[in-house]
Amino acid sequence: MPGFIRKVLVVNGQTVKKGDRLAVLEAMKMEHALTAPFDGIVKQVFFKEGDRVGQDEIIVKLEAEAKKTT
């Protein structure tokens, strides 16, 4: 959904867990938390606070965290 980035809560290289908040998007006068869909590493943040984003734009690119084997 189109809107404005209100907060970016992660940086490139940061490790995140499923459900961690990545950013806050304001759309239709409401704030929506964007969360990590899986454990991983932030590869790139494409927008900064205050930027306008369109529908279907990638805001944060994640790479799945490799599973550790013992």
PDB file of N, CA and C in Angstrom:
ATOM      1  N   MET A   1       0.850  -1.181   0.000  1.00  0.00           N
ATOM      2  CA  MET A   1       0.000   0.000   0.000  1.00  0.00           C
ATOM      3  C   MET A   1       0.886   1.232   0.000  1.00  0.00           C
ATOM      4  N   PRO A   2       0.556   2.242  -0.771  1.00  0.00           N
ATOM      5  CA  PRO A   2       1.372   3.457  -0.810  1.00  0.00           C
ATOM      6  C   PRO A   2       1.282   4.231   0.500  1.00  0.00           C
ATOM      7  N   GLY A   3       2.348   4.955   0.812  1.00  0.00           N
ATOM      8  CA  GLY A   3       2.363   5.754   2.032  1.00  0.00           C
ATOM      9  C   GLY A   3       3.716   6.400   2.228  1.00  0.00           C
ATOM     10  N   PHE A   4       4.022   6.730   3.484  1.00  0.00           N
ATOM     11  CA  PHE A   4       5.280   7.374   3.849  1.00  0.00           C
ATOM     12  C   PHE A   4       5.996   6.532   4.896  1.00  0.00           C
ATOM     13  N   ILE A   5       7.310   6.475   4.790  1.00  0.00           N
ATOM     14  CA  ILE A   5       8.104   5.788   5.810  1.00  0.00           C
ATOM     15  C   ILE A   5       8.223   6.722   7.011  1.00  0.00           C
ATOM     16  N   ARG A   6       7.702   6.303   8.145  1.00  0.00           N
ATOM     17  CA  ARG A   6       7.772   7.111   9.369  1.00  0.00           C
ATOM     18  C   ARG A   6       9.013   6.770  10.179  1.00  0.00           C
ATOM     19  N   LYS A   7       9.366   5.481  10.241  1.00  0.00           N
ATOM     20  CA  LYS A   7      10.547   5.059  11.005  1.00  0.00           C
ATOM     21  C   LYS A   7      11.204   3.887  10.287  1.00  0.00           C
ATOM     22  N   VAL A   8      12.519   3.908  10.239  1.00  0.00           N
ATOM     23  CA  VAL A   8      13.296   2.752   9.802  1.00  0.00           C
ATOM     24  C   VAL A   8      13.987   2.235  11.053  1.00  0.00           C
ATOM     25  N   LEU A   9      13.746   0.979  11.381  1.00  0.00           N
ATOM     26  CA  LEU A   9      14.197   0.432  12.654  1.00  0.00           C
ATOM     27  C   LEU A   9      15.387  -0.518  12.530  1.00  0.00           C
ATOM     28  N   VAL A  10      15.904  -0.712  11.311  1.00  0.00           N
ATOM     29  CA  VAL A  10      17.028  -1.621  11.091  1.00  0.00           C
ATOM     30  C   VAL A  10      18.080  -0.952  10.208  1.00  0.00           C
ATOM     31  N   VAL A  11      19.264  -1.554  10.182  1.00  0.00           N
ATOM     32  CA  VAL A  11      20.359  -1.068   9.328  1.00  0.00           C
ATOM     33  C   VAL A  11      20.930  -2.257   8.550  1.00  0.00           C
ATOM     34  N   ASN A  12      21.627  -1.964   7.468  1.00  0.00           N
ATOM     35  CA  ASN A  12      22.262  -3.012   6.671  1.00  0.00           C
ATOM     36  C   ASN A  12      23.177  -3.856   7.551  1.00  0.00           C
ATOM     37  N   GLY A  13      23.099  -5.175   7.375  1.00  0.00           N
ATOM     38  CA  GLY A  13      23.946  -6.091   8.132  1.00  0.00           C
ATOM     39  C   GLY A  13      23.366  -6.550   9.454  1.00  0.00           C
ATOM     40  N   GLN A  14      22.265  -5.959   9.868  1.00  0.00           N
ATOM     41  CA  GLN A  14      21.653  -6.305  11.156  1.00  0.00           C
ATOM     42  C   GLN A  14      20.958  -7.661  11.064  1.00  0.00           C
ATOM     43  N   THR A  15      21.106  -8.469  12.111  1.00  0.00           N
ATOM     44  CA  THR A  15      20.407  -9.746  12.208  1.00  0.00           C
ATOM     45  C   THR A  15      19.033  -9.496  12.817  1.00  0.00           C
ATOM     46  N   VAL A  16      18.002 -10.102  12.210  1.00  0.00           N
ATOM     47  CA  VAL A  16      16.637  -9.957  12.715  1.00  0.00           C
ATOM     48  C   VAL A  16      16.011 -11.333  12.883  1.00  0.00           C
ATOM     49  N   LYS A  17      15.028 -11.400  13.744  1.00  0.00           N
ATOM     50  CA  LYS A  17      14.268 -12.625  13.970  1.00  0.00           C
ATOM     51  C   LYS A  17      12.861 -12.445  13.405  1.00  0.00           C
ATOM     52  N   LYS A  18      12.228 -13.550  13.069  1.00  0.00           N
ATOM     53  CA  LYS A  18      10.862 -13.505  12.555  1.00  0.00           C
ATOM     54  C   LYS A  18       9.996 -12.696  13.515  1.00  0.00           C
ATOM     55  N   GLY A  19       9.258 -11.722  12.965  1.00  0.00           N
ATOM     56  CA  GLY A  19       8.374 -10.892  13.773  1.00  0.00           C
ATOM     57  C   GLY A  19       8.982  -9.577  14.231  1.00  0.00           C
ATOM     58  N   ASP A  20      10.319  -9.426  14.116  1.00  0.00           N
ATOM     59  CA  ASP A  20      10.955  -8.154  14.486  1.00  0.00           C
ATOM     60  C   ASP A  20      10.432  -7.041  13.584  1.00  0.00           C
ATOM     61  N   ARG A  21      10.254  -5.862  14.164  1.00  0.00           N
ATOM     62  CA  ARG A  21       9.814  -4.702  13.379  1.00  0.00           C
ATOM     63  C   ARG A  21      10.978  -4.162  12.561  1.00  0.00           C
ATOM     64  N   LEU A  22      10.724  -3.949  11.269  1.00  0.00           N
ATOM     65  CA  LEU A  22      11.745  -3.439  10.355  1.00  0.00           C
ATOM     66  C   LEU A  22      11.558  -1.955  10.086  1.00  0.00           C
ATOM     67  N   ALA A  23      10.304  -1.541   9.958  1.00  0.00           N
ATOM     68  CA  ALA A  23       9.985  -0.147   9.638  1.00  0.00           C
ATOM     69  C   ALA A  23       8.532   0.115   9.995  1.00  0.00           C
ATOM     70  N   VAL A  24       8.192   1.404  10.032  1.00  0.00           N
ATOM     71  CA  VAL A  24       6.804   1.813  10.262  1.00  0.00           C
ATOM     72  C   VAL A  24       6.381   2.636   9.055  1.00  0.00           C
ATOM     73  N   LEU A  25       5.278   2.223   8.440  1.00  0.00           N
ATOM     74  CA  LEU A  25       4.725   2.880   7.263  1.00  0.00           C
ATOM     75  C   LEU A  25       3.443   3.594   7.658  1.00  0.00           C
ATOM     76  N   GLU A  26       3.302   4.850   7.251  1.00  0.00           N
ATOM     77  CA  GLU A  26       2.044   5.563   7.471  1.00  0.00           C
ATOM     78  C   GLU A  26       1.265   5.558   6.164  1.00  0.00           C
ATOM     79  N   ALA A  27       0.056   5.023   6.226  1.00  0.00           N
ATOM     80  CA  ALA A  27      -0.819   4.971   5.058  1.00  0.00           C
ATOM     81  C   ALA A  27      -2.254   5.135   5.530  1.00  0.00           C
ATOM     82  N   MET A  28      -3.015   5.908   4.803  1.00  0.00           N
ATOM     83  CA  MET A  28      -4.422   6.151   5.138  1.00  0.00           C
ATOM     84  C   MET A  28      -4.574   6.652   6.577  1.00  0.00           C
ATOM     85  N   LYS A  29      -3.637   7.517   7.003  1.00  0.00           N
ATOM     86  CA  LYS A  29      -3.634   8.144   8.328  1.00  0.00           C
ATOM     87  C   LYS A  29      -3.476   7.148   9.473  1.00  0.00           C
ATOM     88  N   MET A  30      -2.939   5.962   9.160  1.00  0.00           N
ATOM     89  CA  MET A  30      -2.680   4.948  10.181  1.00  0.00           C
ATOM     90  C   MET A  30      -1.239   4.483  10.047  1.00  0.00           C
ATOM     91  N   GLU A  31      -0.627   4.073  11.159  1.00  0.00           N
ATOM     92  CA  GLU A  31       0.723   3.528  11.126  1.00  0.00           C
ATOM     93  C   GLU A  31       0.658   2.004  11.081  1.00  0.00           C
ATOM     94  N   HIS A  32       1.483   1.427  10.213  1.00  0.00           N
ATOM     95  CA  HIS A  32       1.523  -0.022  10.022  1.00  0.00           C
ATOM     96  C   HIS A  32       2.957  -0.495  10.230  1.00  0.00           C
ATOM     97  N   ALA A  33       3.157  -1.432  11.146  1.00  0.00           N
ATOM     98  CA  ALA A  33       4.492  -1.988  11.380  1.00  0.00           C
ATOM     99  C   ALA A  33       4.786  -3.029  10.312  1.00  0.00           C
ATOM    100  N   LEU A  34       5.962  -2.936   9.712  1.00  0.00           N
ATOM    101  CA  LEU A  34       6.420  -3.934   8.755  1.00  0.00           C
ATOM    102  C   LEU A  34       7.366  -4.856   9.508  1.00  0.00           C
ATOM    103  N   THR A  35       7.075  -6.157   9.510  1.00  0.00           N
ATOM    104  CA  THR A  35       7.841  -7.101  10.317  1.00  0.00           C
ATOM    105  C   THR A  35       8.573  -8.120   9.445  1.00  0.00           C
ATOM    106  N   ALA A  36       9.611  -8.695  10.011  1.00  0.00           N
ATOM    107  CA  ALA A  36      10.396  -9.712   9.307  1.00  0.00           C
ATOM    108  C   ALA A  36       9.575 -10.993   9.175  1.00  0.00           C
ATOM    109  N   PRO A  37       9.477 -11.535   7.958  1.00  0.00           N
ATOM    110  CA  PRO A  37       8.705 -12.763   7.765  1.00  0.00           C
ATOM    111  C   PRO A  37       9.476 -14.026   8.163  1.00  0.00           C
ATOM    112  N   PHE A  38      10.791 -13.881   8.409  1.00  0.00           N
ATOM    113  CA  PHE A  38      11.643 -15.012   8.787  1.00  0.00           C
ATOM    114  C   PHE A  38      12.915 -14.477   9.447  1.00  0.00           C
ATOM    115  N   ASP A  39      13.666 -15.376  10.108  1.00  0.00           N
ATOM    116  CA  ASP A  39      14.970 -15.000  10.660  1.00  0.00           C
ATOM    117  C   ASP A  39      15.906 -14.683   9.502  1.00  0.00           C
ATOM    118  N   GLY A  40      16.706 -13.629   9.638  1.00  0.00           N
ATOM    119  CA  GLY A  40      17.617 -13.311   8.546  1.00  0.00           C
ATOM    120  C   GLY A  40      18.518 -12.135   8.841  1.00  0.00           C
ATOM    121  N   ILE A  41      19.143 -11.662   7.771  1.00  0.00           N
ATOM    122  CA  ILE A  41      20.069 -10.534   7.837  1.00  0.00           C
ATOM    123  C   ILE A  41      19.577  -9.463   6.878  1.00  0.00           C
ATOM    124  N   VAL A  42      19.569  -8.211   7.329  1.00  0.00           N
ATOM    125  CA  VAL A  42      19.161  -7.093   6.480  1.00  0.00           C
ATOM    126  C   VAL A  42      20.258  -6.881   5.441  1.00  0.00           C
ATOM    127  N   LYS A  43      19.915  -7.068   4.167  1.00  0.00           N
ATOM    128  CA  LYS A  43      20.884  -6.882   3.085  1.00  0.00           C
ATOM    129  C   LYS A  43      20.873  -5.449   2.568  1.00  0.00           C
ATOM    130  N   GLN A  44      19.678  -4.828   2.533  1.00  0.00           N
ATOM    131  CA  GLN A  44      19.603  -3.447   2.042  1.00  0.00           C
ATOM    132  C   GLN A  44      18.309  -2.794   2.510  1.00  0.00           C
ATOM    133  N   VAL A  45      18.429  -1.526   2.915  1.00  0.00           N
ATOM    134  CA  VAL A  45      17.274  -0.686   3.238  1.00  0.00           C
ATOM    135  C   VAL A  45      17.159   0.311   2.089  1.00  0.00           C
ATOM    136  N   PHE A  46      16.029   0.299   1.386  1.00  0.00           N
ATOM    137  CA  PHE A  46      15.871   1.087   0.164  1.00  0.00           C
ATOM    138  C   PHE A  46      15.328   2.495   0.389  1.00  0.00           C
ATOM    139  N   PHE A  47      14.750   2.766   1.562  1.00  0.00           N
ATOM    140  CA  PHE A  47      14.144   4.068   1.824  1.00  0.00           C
ATOM    141  C   PHE A  47      14.614   4.608   3.163  1.00  0.00           C
ATOM    142  N   LYS A  48      14.475   5.917   3.344  1.00  0.00           N
ATOM    143  CA  LYS A  48      14.787   6.540   4.633  1.00  0.00           C
ATOM    144  C   LYS A  48      13.514   7.182   5.171  1.00  0.00           C
ATOM    145  N   GLU A  49      13.561   7.587   6.427  1.00  0.00           N
ATOM    146  CA  GLU A  49      12.392   8.202   7.060  1.00  0.00           C
ATOM    147  C   GLU A  49      11.939   9.413   6.257  1.00  0.00           C
ATOM    148  N   GLY A  50      10.620   9.502   6.048  1.00  0.00           N
ATOM    149  CA  GLY A  50      10.037  10.611   5.311  1.00  0.00           C
ATOM    150  C   GLY A  50       9.830  10.336   3.834  1.00  0.00           C
ATOM    151  N   ASP A  51      10.451   9.273   3.308  1.00  0.00           N
ATOM    152  CA  ASP A  51      10.289   8.948   1.888  1.00  0.00           C
ATOM    153  C   ASP A  51       8.882   8.438   1.600  1.00  0.00           C
ATOM    154  N   ARG A  52       8.414   8.762   0.408  1.00  0.00           N
ATOM    155  CA  ARG A  52       7.128   8.251  -0.066  1.00  0.00           C
ATOM    156  C   ARG A  52       7.389   6.926  -0.784  1.00  0.00           C
ATOM    157  N   VAL A  53       6.571   5.931  -0.515  1.00  0.00           N
ATOM    158  CA  VAL A  53       6.700   4.631  -1.179  1.00  0.00           C
ATOM    159  C   VAL A  53       5.398   4.281  -1.874  1.00  0.00           C
ATOM    160  N   GLY A  54       5.532   3.619  -2.993  1.00  0.00           N
ATOM    161  CA  GLY A  54       4.366   3.189  -3.755  1.00  0.00           C
ATOM    162  C   GLY A  54       4.007   1.748  -3.435  1.00  0.00           C
ATOM    163  N   GLN A  55       2.882   1.340  -3.957  1.00  0.00           N
ATOM    164  CA  GLN A  55       2.413  -0.026  -3.753  1.00  0.00           C
ATOM    165  C   GLN A  55       3.398  -1.009  -4.380  1.00  0.00           C
ATOM    166  N   ASP A  56       3.657  -2.102  -3.710  1.00  0.00           N
ATOM    167  CA  ASP A  56       4.523  -3.192  -4.174  1.00  0.00           C
ATOM    168  C   ASP A  56       6.006  -2.836  -4.249  1.00  0.00           C
ATOM    169  N   GLU A  57       6.432  -1.727  -3.649  1.00  0.00           N
ATOM    170  CA  GLU A  57       7.860  -1.399  -3.632  1.00  0.00           C
ATOM    171  C   GLU A  57       8.538  -2.161  -2.498  1.00  0.00           C
ATOM    172  N   ILE A  58       9.771  -2.566  -2.742  1.00  0.00           N
ATOM    173  CA  ILE A  58      10.557  -3.254  -1.715  1.00  0.00           C
ATOM    174  C   ILE A  58      11.150  -2.197  -0.789  1.00  0.00           C
ATOM    175  N   ILE A  59      10.912  -2.348   0.501  1.00  0.00           N
ATOM    176  CA  ILE A  59      11.398  -1.381   1.485  1.00  0.00           C
ATOM    177  C   ILE A  59      12.685  -1.882   2.135  1.00  0.00           C
ATOM    178  N   VAL A  60      12.693  -3.151   2.523  1.00  0.00           N
ATOM    179  CA  VAL A  60      13.870  -3.765   3.141  1.00  0.00           C
ATOM    180  C   VAL A  60      14.083  -5.133   2.496  1.00  0.00           C
ATOM    181  N   LYS A  61      15.321  -5.409   2.091  1.00  0.00           N
ATOM    182  CA  LYS A  61      15.660  -6.715   1.520  1.00  0.00           C
ATOM    183  C   LYS A  61      16.331  -7.551   2.597  1.00  0.00           C
ATOM    184  N   LEU A  62      15.796  -8.757   2.824  1.00  0.00           N
ATOM    185  CA  LEU A  62      16.350  -9.679   3.817  1.00  0.00           C
ATOM    186  C   LEU A  62      16.928 -10.905   3.132  1.00  0.00           C
ATOM    187  N   GLU A  63      17.952 -11.465   3.762  1.00  0.00           N
ATOM    188  CA  GLU A  63      18.495 -12.752   3.325  1.00  0.00           C
ATOM    189  C   GLU A  63      18.254 -13.728   4.460  1.00  0.00           C
ATOM    190  N   ALA A  64      17.731 -14.906   4.127  1.00  0.00           N
ATOM    191  CA  ALA A  64      17.450 -15.903   5.158  1.00  0.00           C
ATOM    192  C   ALA A  64      18.731 -16.292   5.876  1.00  0.00           C
ATOM    193  N   GLU A  65      18.619 -16.421   7.181  1.00  0.00           N
ATOM    194  CA  GLU A  65      19.767 -16.815   7.999  1.00  0.00           C
ATOM    195  C   GLU A  65      20.007 -18.308   7.811  1.00  0.00           C
ATOM    196  N   ALA A  66      21.246 -18.682   7.566  1.00  0.00           N
ATOM    197  CA  ALA A  66      21.590 -20.092   7.377  1.00  0.00           C
ATOM    198  C   ALA A  66      21.346 -20.856   8.672  1.00  0.00           C
ATOM    199  N   LYS A  67      20.759 -22.029   8.540  1.00  0.00           N
ATOM    200  CA  LYS A  67      20.515 -22.859   9.717  1.00  0.00           C
ATOM    201  C   LYS A  67      21.824 -23.507  10.146  1.00  0.00           C
ATOM    202  N   LYS A  68      22.075 -23.474  11.454  1.00  0.00           N
ATOM    203  CA  LYS A  68      23.302 -24.059  11.996  1.00  0.00           C
ATOM    204  C   LYS A  68      23.097 -25.553  12.213  1.00  0.00           C
ATOM    205  N   THR A  69      24.086 -26.329  11.818  1.00  0.00           N
ATOM    206  CA  THR A  69      24.031 -27.768  12.055  1.00  0.00           C
ATOM    207  C   THR A  69      25.133 -28.145  13.034  1.00  0.00           C
ATOM    208  N   THR A  70      24.873 -29.180  13.813  1.00  0.00           N
ATOM    209  CA  THR A  70      25.876 -29.606  14.797  1.00  0.00           C
ATOM    210  C   THR A  70      26.357 -30.995  14.506  1.00  0.00           C
TER     211      THR A  70
END
